[in-house]
PDB file of N, CA and C in Angstrom:
ATOM      1  N   UNK A   1      -7.915 -27.043  31.186  1.00  0.00           N
ATOM      2  CA  UNK A   1      -8.238 -26.937  29.671  1.00  0.00           C
ATOM      3  C   UNK A   1      -9.863 -27.956  30.413  1.00  0.00           C
ATOM      4  N   UNK A   2     -10.201 -27.600  29.521  1.00  0.00           N
ATOM      5  CA  UNK A   2     -11.978 -28.551  30.224  1.00  0.00           C
ATOM      6  C   UNK A   2     -11.557 -29.937  29.584  1.00  0.00           C
ATOM      7  N   UNK A   3     -12.571 -30.624  29.235  1.00  0.00           N
ATOM      8  CA  UNK A   3     -12.864 -31.811  28.807  1.00  0.00           C
ATOM      9  C   UNK A   3     -14.188 -32.666  28.873  1.00  0.00           C
ATOM     10  N   UNK A   4     -14.347 -32.620  27.734  1.00  0.00           N
ATOM     11  CA  UNK A   4     -15.963 -33.534  27.999  1.00  0.00           C
ATOM     12  C   UNK A   4     -15.675 -35.690  27.552  1.00  0.00           C
ATOM     13  N   UNK A   5     -17.079 -35.646  28.059  1.00  0.00           N
ATOM     14  CA  UNK A   5     -17.026 -37.519  28.152  1.00  0.00           C
ATOM     15  C   UNK A   5     -18.433 -38.308  26.920  1.00  0.00           C
ATOM     16  N   UNK A   6     -17.859 -38.523  26.206  1.00  0.00           N
ATOM     17  CA  UNK A   6     -19.516 -38.603  25.469  1.00  0.00           C
ATOM     18  C   UNK A   6     -19.229 -40.837  24.876  1.00  0.00           C
ATOM     19  N   UNK A   7     -20.252 -40.675  24.962  1.00  0.00           N
ATOM     20  CA  UNK A   7     -20.670 -42.576  24.311  1.00  0.00           C
ATOM     21  C   UNK A   7     -19.465 -42.780  23.015  1.00  0.00           C
ATOM     22  N   UNK A   8     -19.250 -44.176  23.564  1.00  0.00           N
ATOM     23  CA  UNK A   8     -18.217 -44.333  22.100  1.00  0.00           C
ATOM     24  C   UNK A   8     -18.952 -44.477  21.089  1.00  0.00           C
ATOM     25  N   UNK A   9     -19.975 -45.077  21.079  1.00  0.00           N
ATOM     26  CA  UNK A   9     -20.741 -44.819  19.616  1.00  0.00           C
ATOM     27  C   UNK A   9     -20.520 -43.647  19.001  1.00  0.00           C
ATOM     28  N   UNK A  10     -20.868 -42.584  19.409  1.00  0.00           N
ATOM     29  CA  UNK A  10     -21.424 -40.784  19.119  1.00  0.00           C
ATOM     30  C   UNK A  10     -20.270 -40.819  18.192  1.00  0.00           C
ATOM     31  N   UNK A  11     -18.572 -41.206  18.265  1.00  0.00           N
ATOM     32  CA  UNK A  11     -17.464 -41.388  16.858  1.00  0.00           C
ATOM     33  C   UNK A  11     -17.482 -42.928  16.358  1.00  0.00           C
ATOM     34  N   UNK A  12     -18.379 -42.870  15.373  1.00  0.00           N
ATOM     35  CA  UNK A  12     -18.396 -44.417  15.059  1.00  0.00           C
ATOM     36  C   UNK A  12     -17.126 -45.066  14.422  1.00  0.00           C
ATOM     37  N   UNK A  13     -16.614 -44.530  13.980  1.00  0.00           N
ATOM     38  CA  UNK A  13     -15.445 -44.915  13.057  1.00  0.00           C
ATOM     39  C   UNK A  13     -14.213 -45.184  13.535  1.00  0.00           C
ATOM     40  N   UNK A  14     -14.032 -43.829  15.039  1.00  0.00           N
ATOM     41  CA  UNK A  14     -12.710 -45.223  15.494  1.00  0.00           C
ATOM     42  C   UNK A  14     -13.077 -46.174  16.127  1.00  0.00           C
ATOM     43  N   UNK A  15     -11.478 -47.461  15.824  1.00  0.00           N
ATOM     44  CA  UNK A  15     -11.774 -48.993  16.325  1.00  0.00           C
ATOM     45  C   UNK A  15     -11.933 -48.828  17.827  1.00  0.00           C
ATOM     46  N   UNK A  16     -11.798 -50.064  18.357  1.00  0.00           N
ATOM     47  CA  UNK A  16     -12.180 -49.620  20.032  1.00  0.00           C
ATOM     48  C   UNK A  16     -10.927 -49.526  20.827  1.00  0.00           C
ATOM     49  N   UNK A  17      -9.843 -49.854  19.647  1.00  0.00           N
ATOM     50  CA  UNK A  17      -7.944 -49.785  19.996  1.00  0.00           C
ATOM     51  C   UNK A  17      -7.618 -48.405  20.435  1.00  0.00           C
ATOM     52  N   UNK A  18      -8.380 -47.363  19.538  1.00  0.00           N
ATOM     53  CA  UNK A  18      -8.289 -46.456  19.007  1.00  0.00           C
ATOM     54  C   UNK A  18      -8.567 -45.175  20.704  1.00  0.00           C
ATOM     55  N   UNK A  19     -10.291 -46.125  21.136  1.00  0.00           N
ATOM     56  CA  UNK A  19     -10.945 -44.927  22.094  1.00  0.00           C
ATOM     57  C   UNK A  19     -10.121 -45.969  23.278  1.00  0.00           C
ATOM     58  N   UNK A  20      -9.547 -46.871  23.300  1.00  0.00           N
ATOM     59  CA  UNK A  20      -8.770 -47.297  24.429  1.00  0.00           C
ATOM     60  C   UNK A  20      -7.528 -46.648  25.052  1.00  0.00           C
ATOM     61  N   UNK A  21      -6.770 -46.125  23.635  1.00  0.00           N
ATOM     62  CA  UNK A  21      -5.625 -45.613  23.720  1.00  0.00           C
ATOM     63  C   UNK A  21      -5.841 -43.599  24.445  1.00  0.00           C
ATOM     64  N   UNK A  22      -7.449 -43.591  23.984  1.00  0.00           N
ATOM     65  CA  UNK A  22      -7.711 -42.220  23.889  1.00  0.00           C
ATOM     66  C   UNK A  22      -7.866 -42.260  25.638  1.00  0.00           C
ATOM     67  N   UNK A  23      -8.876 -43.031  26.236  1.00  0.00           N
ATOM     68  CA  UNK A  23      -8.681 -43.515  27.630  1.00  0.00           C
ATOM     69  C   UNK A  23      -7.583 -42.763  28.698  1.00  0.00           C
ATOM     70  N   UNK A  24      -7.053 -44.461  27.248  1.00  0.00           N
ATOM     71  CA  UNK A  24      -5.640 -44.287  29.166  1.00  0.00           C
ATOM     72  C   UNK A  24      -4.598 -43.023  28.400  1.00  0.00           C
ATOM     73  N   UNK A  25      -4.954 -42.385  28.290  1.00  0.00           N
ATOM     74  CA  UNK A  25      -4.424 -41.150  27.893  1.00  0.00           C
ATOM     75  C   UNK A  25      -2.800 -41.754  27.255  1.00  0.00           C
ATOM     76  N   UNK A  26      -2.535 -42.567  26.046  1.00  0.00           N
ATOM     77  CA  UNK A  26      -1.888 -42.815  25.685  1.00  0.00           C
ATOM     78  C   UNK A  26      -1.785 -41.664  24.254  1.00  0.00           C
ATOM     79  N   UNK A  27      -3.009 -41.486  23.675  1.00  0.00           N
ATOM     80  CA  UNK A  27      -3.432 -40.508  22.757  1.00  0.00           C
ATOM     81  C   UNK A  27      -4.423 -39.745  22.712  1.00  0.00           C
ATOM     82  N   UNK A  28      -4.195 -38.377  22.402  1.00  0.00           N
ATOM     83  CA  UNK A  28      -5.625 -37.344  23.052  1.00  0.00           C
ATOM     84  C   UNK A  28      -5.994 -37.389  21.385  1.00  0.00           C
ATOM     85  N   UNK A  29      -7.440 -37.053  22.501  1.00  0.00           N
ATOM     86  CA  UNK A  29      -8.938 -36.614  20.885  1.00  0.00           C
ATOM     87  C   UNK A  29      -9.397 -35.289  21.181  1.00  0.00           C
ATOM     88  N   UNK A  30      -9.540 -34.012  20.952  1.00  0.00           N
ATOM     89  CA  UNK A  30      -9.853 -32.628  20.845  1.00  0.00           C
ATOM     90  C   UNK A  30     -11.432 -32.082  20.330  1.00  0.00           C
ATOM     91  N   UNK A  31     -11.367 -31.800  20.636  1.00  0.00           N
ATOM     92  CA  UNK A  31     -12.454 -30.915  19.641  1.00  0.00           C
ATOM     93  C   UNK A  31     -11.923 -30.235  19.053  1.00  0.00           C
ATOM     94  N   UNK A  32     -11.720 -29.528  17.464  1.00  0.00           N
ATOM     95  CA  UNK A  32     -11.441 -28.678  16.799  1.00  0.00           C
ATOM     96  C   UNK A  32     -12.112 -27.524  17.053  1.00  0.00           C
ATOM     97  N   UNK A  33     -11.644 -26.583  17.252  1.00  0.00           N
ATOM     98  CA  UNK A  33     -12.193 -25.175  17.280  1.00  0.00           C
ATOM     99  C   UNK A  33     -11.081 -24.189  16.149  1.00  0.00           C
ATOM    100  N   UNK A  34     -12.488 -24.405  15.019  1.00  0.00           N
ATOM    101  CA  UNK A  34     -11.859 -23.948  13.526  1.00  0.00           C
ATOM    102  C   UNK A  34     -12.430 -22.822  13.076  1.00  0.00           C
ATOM    103  N   UNK A  35     -12.193 -21.547  14.348  1.00  0.00           N
ATOM    104  CA  UNK A  35     -11.816 -20.070  14.096  1.00  0.00           C
ATOM    105  C   UNK A  35     -11.647 -19.608  12.714  1.00  0.00           C
ATOM    106  N   UNK A  36     -10.486 -19.732  12.158  1.00  0.00           N
ATOM    107  CA  UNK A  36      -9.376 -19.353  11.449  1.00  0.00           C
ATOM    108  C   UNK A  36      -9.936 -19.676   9.922  1.00  0.00           C
ATOM    109  N   UNK A  37     -10.588 -20.780   9.650  1.00  0.00           N
ATOM    110  CA  UNK A  37     -10.819 -21.927   8.700  1.00  0.00           C
ATOM    111  C   UNK A  37      -9.587 -22.626   8.429  1.00  0.00           C
ATOM    112  N   UNK A  38      -8.528 -22.675   9.184  1.00  0.00           N
ATOM    113  CA  UNK A  38      -7.212 -23.787   9.018  1.00  0.00           C
ATOM    114  C   UNK A  38      -7.279 -25.220   8.921  1.00  0.00           C
ATOM    115  N   UNK A  39      -8.182 -25.428   8.765  1.00  0.00           N
ATOM    116  CA  UNK A  39      -8.889 -27.629   8.638  1.00  0.00           C
ATOM    117  C   UNK A  39      -9.544 -27.385   7.755  1.00  0.00           C
ATOM    118  N   UNK A  40      -9.692 -28.803   7.005  1.00  0.00           N
ATOM    119  CA  UNK A  40     -10.298 -28.696   6.066  1.00  0.00           C
ATOM    120  C   UNK A  40     -12.169 -28.541   6.839  1.00  0.00           C
ATOM    121  N   UNK A  41     -13.233 -28.176   5.759  1.00  0.00           N
ATOM    122  CA  UNK A  41     -14.608 -27.964   5.953  1.00  0.00           C
ATOM    123  C   UNK A  41     -15.105 -29.425   6.972  1.00  0.00           C
ATOM    124  N   UNK A  42     -15.323 -29.120   8.112  1.00  0.00           N
ATOM    125  CA  UNK A  42     -15.963 -30.847   8.140  1.00  0.00           C
ATOM    126  C   UNK A  42     -15.117 -31.123   9.533  1.00  0.00           C
ATOM    127  N   UNK A  43     -13.988 -30.317   9.734  1.00  0.00           N
ATOM    128  CA  UNK A  43     -13.401 -31.362  10.782  1.00  0.00           C
ATOM    129  C   UNK A  43     -13.693 -30.637  12.104  1.00  0.00           C
ATOM    130  N   UNK A  44     -14.305 -32.052  12.978  1.00  0.00           N
ATOM    131  CA  UNK A  44     -14.546 -31.655  14.083  1.00  0.00           C
ATOM    132  C   UNK A  44     -13.842 -31.828  15.106  1.00  0.00           C
ATOM    133  N   UNK A  45     -13.034 -33.221  15.168  1.00  0.00           N
ATOM    134  CA  UNK A  45     -12.410 -33.993  16.132  1.00  0.00           C
ATOM    135  C   UNK A  45     -11.024 -33.642  15.355  1.00  0.00           C
ATOM    136  N   UNK A  46      -9.813 -33.115  16.819  1.00  0.00           N
ATOM    137  CA  UNK A  46      -8.113 -33.779  16.431  1.00  0.00           C
ATOM    138  C   UNK A  46      -7.499 -34.611  17.176  1.00  0.00           C
ATOM    139  N   UNK A  47      -7.503 -35.689  16.284  1.00  0.00           N
ATOM    140  CA  UNK A  47      -6.528 -36.578  16.914  1.00  0.00           C
ATOM    141  C   UNK A  47      -5.286 -36.678  17.323  1.00  0.00           C
ATOM    142  N   UNK A  48      -4.782 -37.198  18.588  1.00  0.00           N
ATOM    143  CA  UNK A  48      -2.887 -36.625  18.491  1.00  0.00           C
ATOM    144  C   UNK A  48      -2.565 -38.098  18.628  1.00  0.00           C
ATOM    145  N   UNK A  49      -1.437 -38.557  18.022  1.00  0.00           N
ATOM    146  CA  UNK A  49      -1.142 -39.821  18.098  1.00  0.00           C
ATOM    147  C   UNK A  49       0.781 -39.269  18.789  1.00  0.00           C
ATOM    148  N   UNK A  50       1.199 -40.280  18.688  1.00  0.00           N
ATOM    149  CA  UNK A  50       2.340 -39.972  19.010  1.00  0.00           C
ATOM    150  C   UNK A  50       3.708 -39.536  17.775  1.00  0.00           C
ATOM    151  N   UNK A  51       3.135 -39.193  17.127  1.00  0.00           N
ATOM    152  CA  UNK A  51       3.276 -39.362  15.403  1.00  0.00           C
ATOM    153  C   UNK A  51       2.876 -37.715  15.053  1.00  0.00           C
ATOM    154  N   UNK A  52       1.910 -37.780  14.622  1.00  0.00           N
ATOM    155  CA  UNK A  52       1.149 -36.468  14.331  1.00  0.00           C
ATOM    156  C   UNK A  52      -0.093 -36.761  14.676  1.00  0.00           C
ATOM    157  N   UNK A  53      -1.003 -35.458  13.622  1.00  0.00           N
ATOM    158  CA  UNK A  53      -1.988 -35.230  14.231  1.00  0.00           C
ATOM    159  C   UNK A  53      -3.355 -35.620  13.177  1.00  0.00           C
ATOM    160  N   UNK A  54      -4.455 -36.196  13.207  1.00  0.00           N
ATOM    161  CA  UNK A  54      -5.164 -36.164  12.636  1.00  0.00           C
ATOM    162  C   UNK A  54      -6.771 -35.396  12.768  1.00  0.00           C
ATOM    163  N   UNK A  55      -7.527 -34.770  11.877  1.00  0.00           N
ATOM    164  CA  UNK A  55      -8.221 -33.968  11.741  1.00  0.00           C
ATOM    165  C   UNK A  55      -9.368 -35.173  11.060  1.00  0.00           C
ATOM    166  N   UNK A  56     -10.607 -35.355  11.800  1.00  0.00           N
ATOM    167  CA  UNK A  56     -11.285 -36.192  12.132  1.00  0.00           C
ATOM    168  C   UNK A  56     -12.844 -35.697  11.832  1.00  0.00           C
ATOM    169  N   UNK A  57     -13.885 -36.397  10.855  1.00  0.00           N
ATOM    170  CA  UNK A  57     -14.843 -35.359  10.667  1.00  0.00           C
ATOM    171  C   UNK A  57     -16.386 -36.162  11.981  1.00  0.00           C
ATOM    172  N   UNK A  58     -16.778 -35.882  12.060  1.00  0.00           N
ATOM    173  CA  UNK A  58     -18.692 -36.415  13.147  1.00  0.00           C
ATOM    174  C   UNK A  58     -18.695 -37.760  13.596  1.00  0.00           C
ATOM    175  N   UNK A  59     -17.619 -38.591  12.531  1.00  0.00           N
ATOM    176  CA  UNK A  59     -17.882 -39.907  12.808  1.00  0.00           C
ATOM    177  C   UNK A  59     -16.534 -40.085  13.251  1.00  0.00           C
ATOM    178  N   UNK A  60     -15.035 -39.650  13.168  1.00  0.00           N
ATOM    179  CA  UNK A  60     -13.994 -39.970  13.652  1.00  0.00           C
ATOM    180  C   UNK A  60     -13.311 -40.267  11.969  1.00  0.00           C
ATOM    181  N   UNK A  61     -14.004 -40.312  10.964  1.00  0.00           N
ATOM    182  CA  UNK A  61     -13.032 -40.741   9.786  1.00  0.00           C
ATOM    183  C   UNK A  61     -12.240 -39.193   9.298  1.00  0.00           C
ATOM    184  N   UNK A  62     -11.456 -39.895   8.948  1.00  0.00           N
ATOM    185  CA  UNK A  62      -9.841 -39.138   8.539  1.00  0.00           C
ATOM    186  C   UNK A  62     -10.013 -38.205   7.307  1.00  0.00           C
ATOM    187  N   UNK A  63     -10.229 -36.674   7.762  1.00  0.00           N
ATOM    188  CA  UNK A  63     -10.179 -36.098   6.736  1.00  0.00           C
ATOM    189  C   UNK A  63      -8.813 -35.839   5.962  1.00  0.00           C
ATOM    190  N   UNK A  64      -7.766 -35.382   6.927  1.00  0.00           N
ATOM    191  CA  UNK A  64      -5.986 -34.831   6.464  1.00  0.00           C
ATOM    192  C   UNK A  64      -5.370 -35.574   7.819  1.00  0.00           C
ATOM    193  N   UNK A  65      -4.127 -34.931   7.533  1.00  0.00           N
ATOM    194  CA  UNK A  65      -3.499 -35.747   7.938  1.00  0.00           C
ATOM    195  C   UNK A  65      -2.510 -34.369   8.392  1.00  0.00           C
ATOM    196  N   UNK A  66      -1.386 -33.769   9.657  1.00  0.00           N
ATOM    197  CA  UNK A  66      -0.853 -32.320   9.933  1.00  0.00           C
ATOM    198  C   UNK A  66       0.345 -32.779  11.329  1.00  0.00           C
ATOM    199  N   UNK A  67       1.194 -32.284  11.411  1.00  0.00           N
ATOM    200  CA  UNK A  67       1.404 -32.583  12.087  1.00  0.00           C
ATOM    201  C   UNK A  67       1.301 -31.934  13.767  1.00  0.00           C
ATOM    202  N   UNK A  68       1.577 -32.458  14.456  1.00  0.00           N
ATOM    203  CA  UNK A  68       1.105 -32.360  15.720  1.00  0.00           C
ATOM    204  C   UNK A  68       1.191 -30.488  16.073  1.00  0.00           C
ATOM    205  N   UNK A  69       2.362 -30.958  15.783  1.00  0.00           N
ATOM    206  CA  UNK A  69       3.163 -29.096  16.365  1.00  0.00           C
ATOM    207  C   UNK A  69       2.155 -28.131  15.619  1.00  0.00           C
ATOM    208  N   UNK A  70       1.995 -28.564  14.494  1.00  0.00           N
ATOM    209  CA  UNK A  70       0.777 -27.631  13.348  1.00  0.00           C
ATOM    210  C   UNK A  70      -0.614 -26.982  13.880  1.00  0.00           C
ATOM    211  N   UNK A  71      -0.953 -27.747  15.102  1.00  0.00           N
ATOM    212  CA  UNK A  71      -2.773 -27.750  15.251  1.00  0.00           C
ATOM    213  C   UNK A  71      -3.108 -27.622  17.417  1.00  0.00           C
ATOM    214  N   UNK A  72      -1.684 -27.233  17.864  1.00  0.00           N
ATOM    215  CA  UNK A  72      -1.937 -26.681  19.293  1.00  0.00           C
ATOM    216  C   UNK A  72      -3.275 -25.561  19.497  1.00  0.00           C
ATOM    217  N   UNK A  73      -2.852 -24.174  18.639  1.00  0.00           N
ATOM    218  CA  UNK A  73      -3.723 -23.597  18.372  1.00  0.00           C
ATOM    219  C   UNK A  73      -4.931 -23.495  18.443  1.00  0.00           C
ATOM    220  N   UNK A  74      -5.476 -24.703  17.735  1.00  0.00           N
ATOM    221  CA  UNK A  74      -7.237 -25.137  17.708  1.00  0.00           C
ATOM    222  C   UNK A  74      -7.430 -26.117  18.253  1.00  0.00           C
ATOM    223  N   UNK A  75      -6.775 -26.527  19.365  1.00  0.00           N
ATOM    224  CA  UNK A  75      -7.467 -27.503  20.241  1.00  0.00           C
ATOM    225  C   UNK A  75      -8.797 -27.429  21.534  1.00  0.00           C
ATOM    226  N   UNK A  76      -9.634 -27.668  21.189  1.00  0.00           N
ATOM    227  CA  UNK A  76     -10.578 -27.695  22.297  1.00  0.00           C
ATOM    228  C   UNK A  76     -11.013 -28.150  23.418  1.00  0.00           C
ATOM    229  N   UNK A  77     -12.238 -28.171  23.616  1.00  0.00           N
ATOM    230  CA  UNK A  77     -12.327 -29.182  24.935  1.00  0.00           C
ATOM    231  C   UNK A  77     -10.917 -30.557  24.371  1.00  0.00           C
ATOM    232  N   UNK A  78     -10.838 -31.480  25.764  1.00  0.00           N
ATOM    233  CA  UNK A  78     -10.022 -33.011  24.924  1.00  0.00           C
ATOM    234  C   UNK A  78     -11.511 -33.064  25.498  1.00  0.00           C
ATOM    235  N   UNK A  79     -10.956 -34.886  24.649  1.00  0.00           N
ATOM    236  CA  UNK A  79     -12.727 -35.952  24.749  1.00  0.00           C
ATOM    237  C   UNK A  79     -12.391 -36.840  25.163  1.00  0.00           C
ATOM    238  N   UNK A  80     -13.131 -37.751  25.897  1.00  0.00           N
ATOM    239  CA  UNK A  80     -13.229 -39.151  26.807  1.00  0.00           C
ATOM    240  C   UNK A  80     -14.501 -40.100  26.281  1.00  0.00           C
ATOM    241  N   UNK A  81     -14.490 -41.059  26.738  1.00  0.00           N
ATOM    242  CA  UNK A  81     -15.460 -41.714  25.923  1.00  0.00           C
ATOM    243  C   UNK A  81     -16.060 -41.978  27.393  1.00  0.00           C
ATOM    244  N   UNK A  82     -17.203 -41.858  27.564  1.00  0.00           N
ATOM    245  CA  UNK A  82     -17.897 -42.884  28.870  1.00  0.00           C
ATOM    246  C   UNK A  82     -17.990 -43.989  29.217  1.00  0.00           C
ATOM    247  N   UNK A  83     -18.198 -44.812  28.282  1.00  0.00           N
ATOM    248  CA  UNK A  83     -18.788 -45.557  28.182  1.00  0.00           C
ATOM    249  C   UNK A  83     -17.566 -47.198  28.697  1.00  0.00           C
ATOM    250  N   UNK A  84     -16.231 -46.572  28.177  1.00  0.00           N
ATOM    251  CA  UNK A  84     -15.435 -47.300  28.201  1.00  0.00           C
ATOM    252  C   UNK A  84     -14.186 -46.814  29.497  1.00  0.00           C
ATOM    253  N   UNK A  85     -13.231 -47.821  30.388  1.00  0.00           N
ATOM    254  CA  UNK A  85     -12.566 -47.762  30.959  1.00  0.00           C
ATOM    255  C   UNK A  85     -11.943 -46.524  31.459  1.00  0.00           C
ATOM    256  N   UNK A  86     -12.108 -46.180  32.400  1.00  0.00           N
ATOM    257  CA  UNK A  86     -11.016 -44.940  32.269  1.00  0.00           C
ATOM    258  C   UNK A  86     -10.246 -44.703  33.351  1.00  0.00           C
ATOM    259  N   UNK A  87      -9.120 -44.809  33.519  1.00  0.00           N
ATOM    260  CA  UNK A  87      -8.378 -44.180  34.653  1.00  0.00           C
ATOM    261  C   UNK A  87      -8.743 -43.074  35.942  1.00  0.00           C
ATOM    262  N   UNK A  88      -8.423 -43.580  37.061  1.00  0.00           N
ATOM    263  CA  UNK A  88      -9.149 -42.304  37.860  1.00  0.00           C
ATOM    264  C   UNK A  88      -7.485 -40.944  37.688  1.00  0.00           C
ATOM    265  N   UNK A  89      -6.864 -41.352  37.443  1.00  0.00           N
ATOM    266  CA  UNK A  89      -5.596 -40.641  37.548  1.00  0.00           C
ATOM    267  C   UNK A  89      -4.740 -41.287  36.743  1.00  0.00           C
ATOM    268  N   UNK A  90      -3.970 -40.487  35.629  1.00  0.00           N
ATOM    269  CA  UNK A  90      -3.044 -40.741  34.400  1.00  0.00           C
ATOM    270  C   UNK A  90      -2.471 -41.809  35.160  1.00  0.00           C
ATOM    271  N   UNK A  91      -1.772 -40.661  36.668  1.00  0.00           N
ATOM    272  CA  UNK A  91      -0.817 -41.029  37.072  1.00  0.00           C
ATOM    273  C   UNK A  91      -0.927 -42.459  37.891  1.00  0.00           C
ATOM    274  N   UNK A  92      -2.117 -43.283  37.570  1.00  0.00           N
ATOM    275  CA  UNK A  92      -2.169 -44.631  38.103  1.00  0.00           C
ATOM    276  C   UNK A  92      -1.823 -45.813  36.981  1.00  0.00           C
ATOM    277  N   UNK A  93      -1.574 -45.543  35.422  1.00  0.00           N
ATOM    278  CA  UNK A  93      -1.598 -46.174  34.455  1.00  0.00           C
ATOM    279  C   UNK A  93       0.013 -46.772  34.413  1.00  0.00           C
ATOM    280  N   UNK A  94      -0.148 -47.988  34.325  1.00  0.00           N
ATOM    281  CA  UNK A  94       1.451 -48.668  34.609  1.00  0.00           C
ATOM    282  C   UNK A  94       1.783 -48.386  33.223  1.00  0.00           C
ATOM    283  N   UNK A  95       3.082 -48.080  33.330  1.00  0.00           N
ATOM    284  CA  UNK A  95       3.735 -48.060  32.009  1.00  0.00           C
ATOM    285  C   UNK A  95       4.472 -49.236  31.668  1.00  0.00           C
ATOM    286  N   UNK A  96       4.234 -50.638  30.372  1.00  0.00           N
ATOM    287  CA  UNK A  96       5.396 -51.823  30.007  1.00  0.00           C
ATOM    288  C   UNK A  96       6.932 -51.021  28.963  1.00  0.00           C
TER     289      UNK A  96
END
């Protein structure tokens, strides 16, 4: 699966904590593939947390919440932030 690196300010409504969790590989952000109209109109991103999947607009505002198992076929490239520290490898993360 491909990935994108974008400036953090591009998704302005996500907090810096959420952006850190994404870059650390704890939560996952994807571009939405909305080929079949399965999400709210305007869904640009999908944020996958430990419990749920959040459909986000282009600024990171929450449009709806779903079970994370219901969104797997609609995940596009993963998204990371180019101006926030990023581990060289997820295996380098120290879990506490």
